[in-house]
Amino acid sequence: MEMKAFQRSTLNRLIVGLVLFFVAFPAILFGDWWIVLFAAGGLIFAIKELLQIRIERPFPLPIRWFVYGMSFSLVFWIFLYNNFQQLGFNVTEWGFDVGMEKLELPTIFLTVFAGTLFFSSITDVRFKVQDATFLIALVLLITLSFQGFLYLRFFPNFLMASRDNLANSLLLIYVGIGTFMTDIGAYFVGSLLGRNKMNVRVSKNKTWEGFYGGVIISFLSSFGFAVVMDAIGTPLLSFLTMQEWYFLVLLSLIIPLVSTLGDFIFSIIKREFGIKHFSTLLGEHGGILDRIDSFMMACLVSSLVLTVIYDWVIALQ
């Protein structure tokens, strides 16, 4: 990459990153309705970009509205279900730290969602079975990822309710650091030292040198952040401390790996549909899905790993 182009791209990435950070950080910090509304806004944009990916043959309007409704149902139903199970109709006592401390999708909603889309592929000539399978797969991935995002913010509240908002934000910030340092590390190392392409069918620019650079820089950044937080007496979680360093090492290594996977998944989708970006919301940087594809996968897998650790290791001790 030429030096001027490299500098211009770096500056643009920095500006977009700072804008997104200053938009997201207050919501992450204050939690509660702030982060729920933030997630809801992000979900709207993500689903919108997903539904407009088929430029030459738009999805039928009833299908689009149905996908929006089911996406919100799949993300937020766990809040309603958990609170009702624990607190009944006493809605004044309901809270997100009670309602969002698990990852779960309702079987009945999934059945209705898949069944309706496949039925539509039979009855509407504008909607093919390939469209149904595509939407089912991507909506499940996106909604579980958004659940994971909220889980990472509210699980510390559930586990350590006595801590303040900043302390309970650290887990989500940690995953964000690991994700975005993967992208930054891969970009800089790949731009400066990259020679061997990873998969030109999916991405023409990604190299193995950039991949390894991203993994190393991400691991050092996220693991270092967790170590510092533990040293000052504010661990990410009660079981993510230097006493259980192996959990931190595992999570800090998984984040850059699945971040790269998320990037590749959404890149191959764009290649299949012949588009460069999911939208032009962020100018030359594309849309919301272009910016959060890696972060979504990191949130989803990190949440699953933490759930397994808590339910199958910590709870059984």
Protein backbone atom coordinates (compact mmCIF):
# COMPACT_ATOMS: atom_id res chain seq x y z
CA MET A 1 0.00 0.00 0.00
CA GLU A 2 1.33 3.45 -0.93
CA MET A 3 2.27 5.64 2.02
CA LYS A 4 -0.26 8.39 1.25
CA ALA A 5 -3.09 5.92 0.82
CA PHE A 6 -2.01 4.15 4.01
CA GLN A 7 -1.99 7.42 5.97
CA ARG A 8 -5.38 8.49 4.59
CA SER A 9 -6.96 5.12 5.35
CA THR A 10 -5.45 5.13 8.85
CA LEU A 11 -6.81 8.61 9.57
CA ASN A 12 -10.27 7.66 8.32
CA ARG A 13 -10.29 4.51 10.43
CA LEU A 14 -9.24 6.53 13.48
CA ILE A 15 -11.98 9.12 12.98
CA VAL A 16 -14.71 6.53 12.47
CA GLY A 17 -13.43 4.54 15.45
CA LEU A 18 -13.48 7.59 17.73
CA VAL A 19 -16.99 8.56 16.62
CA LEU A 20 -18.30 5.06 17.28
CA PHE A 21 -16.50 4.96 20.63
CA PHE A 22 -18.00 8.22 21.88
CA VAL A 23 -21.44 7.08 20.78
CA ALA A 24 -21.15 3.63 22.36
CA PHE A 25 -19.21 4.33 25.56
CA PRO A 26 -21.91 6.31 27.45
CA ALA A 27 -24.46 3.58 26.74
CA ILE A 28 -22.04 0.87 27.88
CA LEU A 29 -21.11 2.83 30.99
CA PHE A 30 -24.62 3.69 32.20
CA GLY A 31 -26.16 0.37 31.20
CA ASP A 32 -29.85 -0.12 32.02
CA TRP A 33 -32.18 1.42 29.40
CA TRP A 34 -29.31 3.34 27.82
CA ILE A 35 -27.55 0.27 26.47
CA VAL A 36 -30.83 -1.45 25.63
CA LEU A 37 -31.90 1.49 23.47
CA PHE A 38 -28.41 1.60 21.95
CA ALA A 39 -28.62 -2.11 21.11
CA ALA A 40 -32.13 -1.67 19.70
CA GLY A 41 -30.91 1.10 17.40
CA GLY A 42 -27.99 -1.01 16.24
CA LEU A 43 -30.32 -3.95 15.64
CA ILE A 44 -32.59 -1.83 13.44
CA PHE A 45 -29.67 -0.74 11.26
CA ALA A 46 -28.21 -4.26 11.11
CA ILE A 47 -31.49 -5.84 10.01
CA LYS A 48 -32.11 -3.02 7.55
CA GLU A 49 -28.75 -3.66 5.91
CA LEU A 50 -29.41 -7.38 5.86
CA LEU A 51 -32.77 -6.89 4.13
CA GLN A 52 -31.45 -4.52 1.48
CA ILE A 53 -28.58 -6.78 0.43
CA ARG A 54 -30.58 -8.18 -2.50
CA ILE A 55 -30.54 -5.04 -4.65
CA GLU A 56 -31.99 -6.38 -7.89
CA ARG A 57 -34.90 -8.22 -6.23
CA PRO A 58 -35.99 -6.67 -2.89
CA PHE A 59 -37.62 -8.88 -0.30
CA PRO A 60 -41.44 -8.49 -0.16
CA LEU A 61 -42.59 -5.84 2.32
CA PRO A 62 -44.51 -8.27 4.60
CA ILE A 63 -41.37 -10.41 4.86
CA ARG A 64 -39.28 -7.38 5.83
CA TRP A 65 -41.66 -6.29 8.59
CA PHE A 66 -41.92 -9.88 9.83
CA VAL A 67 -38.11 -10.16 10.05
CA TYR A 68 -37.90 -6.89 12.01
CA GLY A 69 -40.54 -8.07 14.49
CA MET A 70 -39.04 -11.51 14.98
CA SER A 71 -35.52 -10.10 15.37
CA PHE A 72 -36.61 -7.89 18.27
CA SER A 73 -38.59 -10.77 19.77
CA LEU A 74 -35.60 -13.11 19.62
CA VAL A 75 -33.25 -10.57 21.26
CA PHE A 76 -35.47 -9.23 24.03
CA TRP A 77 -37.87 -12.05 24.89
CA ILE A 78 -35.40 -13.43 27.45
CA PHE A 79 -35.74 -10.21 29.43
CA LEU A 80 -39.52 -10.60 29.64
CA TYR A 81 -39.40 -14.34 30.31
CA ASN A 82 -36.78 -14.28 33.07
CA ASN A 83 -38.34 -11.35 34.88
CA PHE A 84 -41.80 -12.87 34.73
CA GLN A 85 -40.50 -16.23 35.94
CA GLN A 86 -38.74 -14.66 38.94
CA LEU A 87 -40.91 -11.65 39.77
CA GLY A 88 -44.28 -12.33 38.19
CA PHE A 89 -46.50 -9.35 37.43
CA ASN A 90 -44.60 -7.07 39.81
CA VAL A 91 -43.16 -5.14 36.84
CA THR A 92 -41.85 -2.31 39.03
CA GLU A 93 -39.21 -4.76 40.31
CA TRP A 94 -38.17 -5.97 36.88
CA GLY A 95 -34.58 -5.30 35.86
CA PHE A 96 -32.13 -6.06 33.09
CA ASP A 97 -29.59 -7.57 35.47
CA VAL A 98 -32.23 -10.22 36.18
CA GLY A 99 -33.56 -10.56 32.66
CA MET A 100 -30.42 -10.56 30.51
CA GLU A 101 -28.01 -12.78 32.43
CA LYS A 102 -28.52 -15.73 30.08
CA LEU A 103 -28.29 -16.56 26.39
CA GLU A 104 -31.37 -18.32 25.11
CA LEU A 105 -33.71 -18.39 22.10
CA PRO A 106 -37.34 -19.58 22.45
CA THR A 107 -38.23 -22.74 20.55
CA ILE A 108 -41.72 -21.49 19.72
CA PHE A 109 -40.40 -18.23 18.23
CA LEU A 110 -37.81 -20.10 16.18
CA THR A 111 -40.48 -22.49 14.89
CA VAL A 112 -42.81 -19.64 13.92
CA PHE A 113 -39.95 -17.73 12.30
CA ALA A 114 -38.59 -20.61 10.22
CA GLY A 115 -42.03 -22.02 9.42
CA THR A 116 -43.38 -18.67 8.21
CA LEU A 117 -40.39 -18.00 5.97
CA PHE A 118 -40.47 -21.47 4.40
CA PHE A 119 -44.25 -21.21 3.93
CA SER A 120 -43.71 -17.85 2.20
CA SER A 121 -41.20 -19.48 -0.16
CA ILE A 122 -43.99 -21.86 -1.21
CA THR A 123 -46.75 -19.27 -1.62
CA ASP A 124 -44.88 -16.18 -2.90
CA VAL A 125 -42.99 -16.48 -6.20
CA ARG A 126 -40.92 -13.41 -5.23
CA PHE A 127 -39.47 -15.24 -2.22
CA LYS A 128 -37.34 -18.33 -2.86
CA VAL A 129 -36.32 -21.11 -0.49
CA GLN A 130 -32.73 -19.80 -0.70
CA ASP A 131 -34.03 -16.47 0.62
CA ALA A 132 -35.70 -18.21 3.55
CA THR A 133 -32.59 -20.16 4.55
CA PHE A 134 -30.39 -17.07 4.16
CA LEU A 135 -32.60 -14.93 6.40
CA ILE A 136 -33.03 -17.67 9.01
CA ALA A 137 -29.27 -18.20 9.31
CA LEU A 138 -28.30 -14.53 9.39
CA VAL A 139 -31.09 -13.39 11.71
CA LEU A 140 -30.18 -16.13 14.19
CA LEU A 141 -26.52 -15.10 14.06
CA ILE A 142 -27.29 -11.40 14.48
CA THR A 143 -29.89 -11.80 17.24
CA LEU A 144 -27.72 -14.17 19.27
CA SER A 145 -24.83 -11.74 18.88
CA PHE A 146 -26.93 -8.85 20.17
CA GLN A 147 -28.07 -11.01 23.07
CA GLY A 148 -24.40 -11.72 23.74
CA PHE A 149 -23.63 -7.99 23.70
CA LEU A 150 -26.30 -7.32 26.34
CA TYR A 151 -25.26 -10.40 28.33
CA LEU A 152 -21.67 -9.13 28.59
CA ARG A 153 -22.96 -5.86 30.07
CA PHE A 154 -25.62 -7.24 32.43
CA PHE A 155 -24.05 -10.48 33.64
CA PRO A 156 -21.58 -8.60 35.92
CA ASN A 157 -24.58 -6.76 37.44
CA PHE A 158 -26.20 -10.11 38.15
CA LEU A 159 -23.03 -11.66 39.58
CA MET A 160 -21.65 -8.64 41.48
CA ALA A 161 -24.58 -6.31 42.10
CA SER A 162 -22.69 -4.21 44.67
CA ARG A 163 -20.25 -2.80 42.08
CA ASP A 164 -20.72 0.50 40.25
CA ASN A 165 -21.53 0.97 36.57
CA LEU A 166 -17.93 1.50 35.51
CA ALA A 167 -16.75 -1.74 37.12
CA ASN A 168 -19.62 -3.69 35.58
CA SER A 169 -18.79 -2.23 32.14
CA LEU A 170 -15.28 -3.66 32.15
CA LEU A 171 -16.19 -7.09 30.77
CA LEU A 172 -17.79 -5.64 27.65
CA ILE A 173 -14.97 -3.11 27.28
CA TYR A 174 -12.48 -5.99 27.53
CA VAL A 175 -14.15 -7.85 24.65
CA GLY A 176 -14.26 -4.61 22.66
CA ILE A 177 -10.54 -4.05 23.20
CA GLY A 178 -9.73 -7.57 22.08
CA THR A 179 -11.89 -7.23 18.97
CA PHE A 180 -10.78 -3.82 17.78
CA MET A 181 -7.11 -4.45 18.54
CA THR A 182 -7.39 -7.52 16.32
CA ASP A 183 -8.53 -5.30 13.46
CA ILE A 184 -5.96 -2.60 14.19
CA GLY A 185 -3.08 -5.05 14.61
CA ALA A 186 -3.98 -7.00 11.49
CA TYR A 187 -4.33 -3.80 9.47
CA PHE A 188 -1.00 -2.28 10.50
CA VAL A 189 1.05 -5.48 10.42
CA GLY A 190 -0.59 -6.64 7.20
CA SER A 191 -0.11 -3.26 5.52
CA LEU A 192 3.55 -3.05 6.49
CA LEU A 193 4.69 -6.67 6.41
CA GLY A 194 1.98 -8.68 4.68
CA ARG A 195 3.10 -10.95 1.86
CA ASN A 196 1.16 -14.22 2.06
CA LYS A 197 -2.58 -14.01 1.35
CA MET A 198 -4.97 -15.89 3.61
CA ASN A 199 -7.91 -16.43 1.26
CA VAL A 200 -8.17 -14.27 -1.86
CA ARG A 201 -11.62 -15.68 -2.64
CA VAL A 202 -12.97 -14.04 0.49
CA SER A 203 -10.60 -11.11 1.03
CA LYS A 204 -7.91 -9.87 -1.33
CA ASN A 205 -6.08 -7.86 1.33
CA LYS A 206 -5.87 -10.11 4.38
CA THR A 207 -2.52 -11.81 4.93
CA TRP A 208 -1.21 -14.42 7.33
CA GLU A 209 1.28 -11.88 8.66
CA GLY A 210 -1.58 -9.51 9.44
CA PHE A 211 -3.59 -12.32 11.04
CA TYR A 212 -0.77 -13.34 13.38
CA GLY A 213 -0.02 -9.69 14.15
CA GLY A 214 -3.67 -9.08 15.00
CA VAL A 215 -3.87 -12.12 17.28
CA ILE A 216 -0.71 -11.19 19.18
CA ILE A 217 -1.57 -7.51 19.58
CA SER A 218 -5.15 -8.34 20.57
CA PHE A 219 -4.05 -10.91 23.14
CA LEU A 220 -1.48 -8.59 24.72
CA SER A 221 -3.96 -5.71 24.84
CA SER A 222 -6.98 -7.56 26.24
CA PHE A 223 -5.04 -9.81 28.63
CA GLY A 224 -3.00 -6.82 29.81
CA PHE A 225 -6.20 -4.85 30.41
CA ALA A 226 -7.67 -7.70 32.48
CA VAL A 227 -4.46 -8.05 34.51
CA VAL A 228 -4.36 -4.32 35.29
CA MET A 229 -8.03 -4.29 36.32
CA ASP A 230 -7.45 -7.24 38.64
CA ALA A 231 -4.33 -5.58 40.09
CA ILE A 232 -6.28 -2.45 41.07
CA GLY A 233 -9.01 -4.54 42.71
CA THR A 234 -11.65 -4.39 39.97
CA PRO A 235 -11.59 -7.73 38.13
CA LEU A 236 -13.74 -8.25 35.07
CA LEU A 237 -15.67 -10.97 36.91
CA SER A 238 -15.16 -12.80 40.18
CA PHE A 239 -13.72 -15.77 38.26
CA LEU A 240 -11.72 -13.76 35.70
CA THR A 241 -8.75 -12.93 37.90
CA MET A 242 -5.08 -13.84 37.94
CA GLN A 243 -5.96 -16.63 40.34
CA GLU A 244 -7.87 -18.22 37.45
CA TRP A 245 -5.42 -16.94 34.81
CA TYR A 246 -6.16 -19.84 32.47
CA PHE A 247 -9.70 -18.56 31.91
CA LEU A 248 -8.30 -15.16 30.95
CA VAL A 249 -5.73 -16.70 28.61
CA LEU A 250 -8.42 -18.84 26.95
CA LEU A 251 -10.81 -15.92 26.45
CA SER A 252 -8.09 -13.52 25.32
CA LEU A 253 -6.98 -16.01 22.65
CA ILE A 254 -10.49 -16.88 21.49
CA ILE A 255 -11.53 -13.26 20.89
CA PRO A 256 -9.07 -12.48 18.02
CA LEU A 257 -9.72 -15.87 16.40
CA VAL A 258 -13.50 -15.51 16.31
CA SER A 259 -13.21 -11.82 15.40
CA THR A 260 -11.34 -12.82 12.27
CA LEU A 261 -13.94 -15.52 11.58
CA GLY A 262 -16.75 -12.95 11.87
CA ASP A 263 -14.98 -10.69 9.41
CA PHE A 264 -14.61 -13.57 6.94
CA ILE A 265 -18.24 -14.67 7.31
CA PHE A 266 -19.64 -11.28 6.42
CA SER A 267 -17.01 -10.76 3.71
CA ILE A 268 -18.04 -13.93 1.91
CA ILE A 269 -21.69 -12.85 2.14
CA LYS A 270 -20.82 -9.57 0.42
CA ARG A 271 -18.86 -11.42 -2.24
CA GLU A 272 -21.80 -13.75 -2.90
CA PHE A 273 -24.15 -10.79 -3.41
CA GLY A 274 -21.61 -8.77 -5.39
CA ILE A 275 -21.49 -5.75 -3.07
CA LYS A 276 -18.57 -3.93 -1.48
CA HIS A 277 -20.38 -2.68 1.64
CA PHE A 278 -23.66 -3.48 3.36
CA SER A 279 -24.63 0.21 3.16
CA THR A 280 -23.13 3.70 2.84
CA LEU A 281 -24.15 4.83 6.33
CA LEU A 282 -20.50 5.44 7.31
CA GLY A 283 -19.32 6.57 3.90
CA GLU A 284 -16.34 4.66 2.54
CA HIS A 285 -16.33 2.51 5.67
CA GLY A 286 -19.67 0.99 4.72
CA GLY A 287 -22.52 0.29 7.10
CA ILE A 288 -23.10 -0.94 10.62
CA LEU A 289 -22.58 -4.60 9.70
CA ASP A 290 -19.27 -3.71 8.04
CA ARG A 291 -18.03 -2.21 11.31
CA ILE A 292 -19.44 -4.64 13.88
CA ASP A 293 -19.18 -8.00 12.11
CA SER A 294 -16.11 -9.04 14.11
CA PHE A 295 -17.49 -7.57 17.35
CA MET A 296 -20.76 -9.45 16.97
CA MET A 297 -18.98 -12.77 16.66
CA ALA A 298 -16.69 -11.91 19.58
CA CYS A 299 -19.69 -11.03 21.78
CA LEU A 300 -21.51 -14.21 20.85
CA VAL A 301 -18.64 -16.63 21.39
CA SER A 302 -17.31 -14.84 24.51
CA SER A 303 -20.78 -15.04 26.04
CA LEU A 304 -21.05 -18.73 25.26
CA VAL A 305 -17.60 -19.43 26.73
CA LEU A 306 -18.41 -17.48 29.90
CA THR A 307 -21.74 -19.30 30.21
CA VAL A 308 -20.00 -22.68 29.99
CA ILE A 309 -17.35 -21.63 32.53
CA TYR A 310 -19.93 -20.29 34.98
CA ASP A 311 -22.52 -23.08 34.62
CA TRP A 312 -20.18 -26.07 34.31
CA VAL A 313 -17.06 -25.08 36.24
CA ILE A 314 -17.72 -22.34 38.78
CA ALA A 315 -21.21 -23.47 39.79
CA LEU A 316 -20.01 -27.03 40.39
CA GLN A 317 -17.09 -26.09 42.64
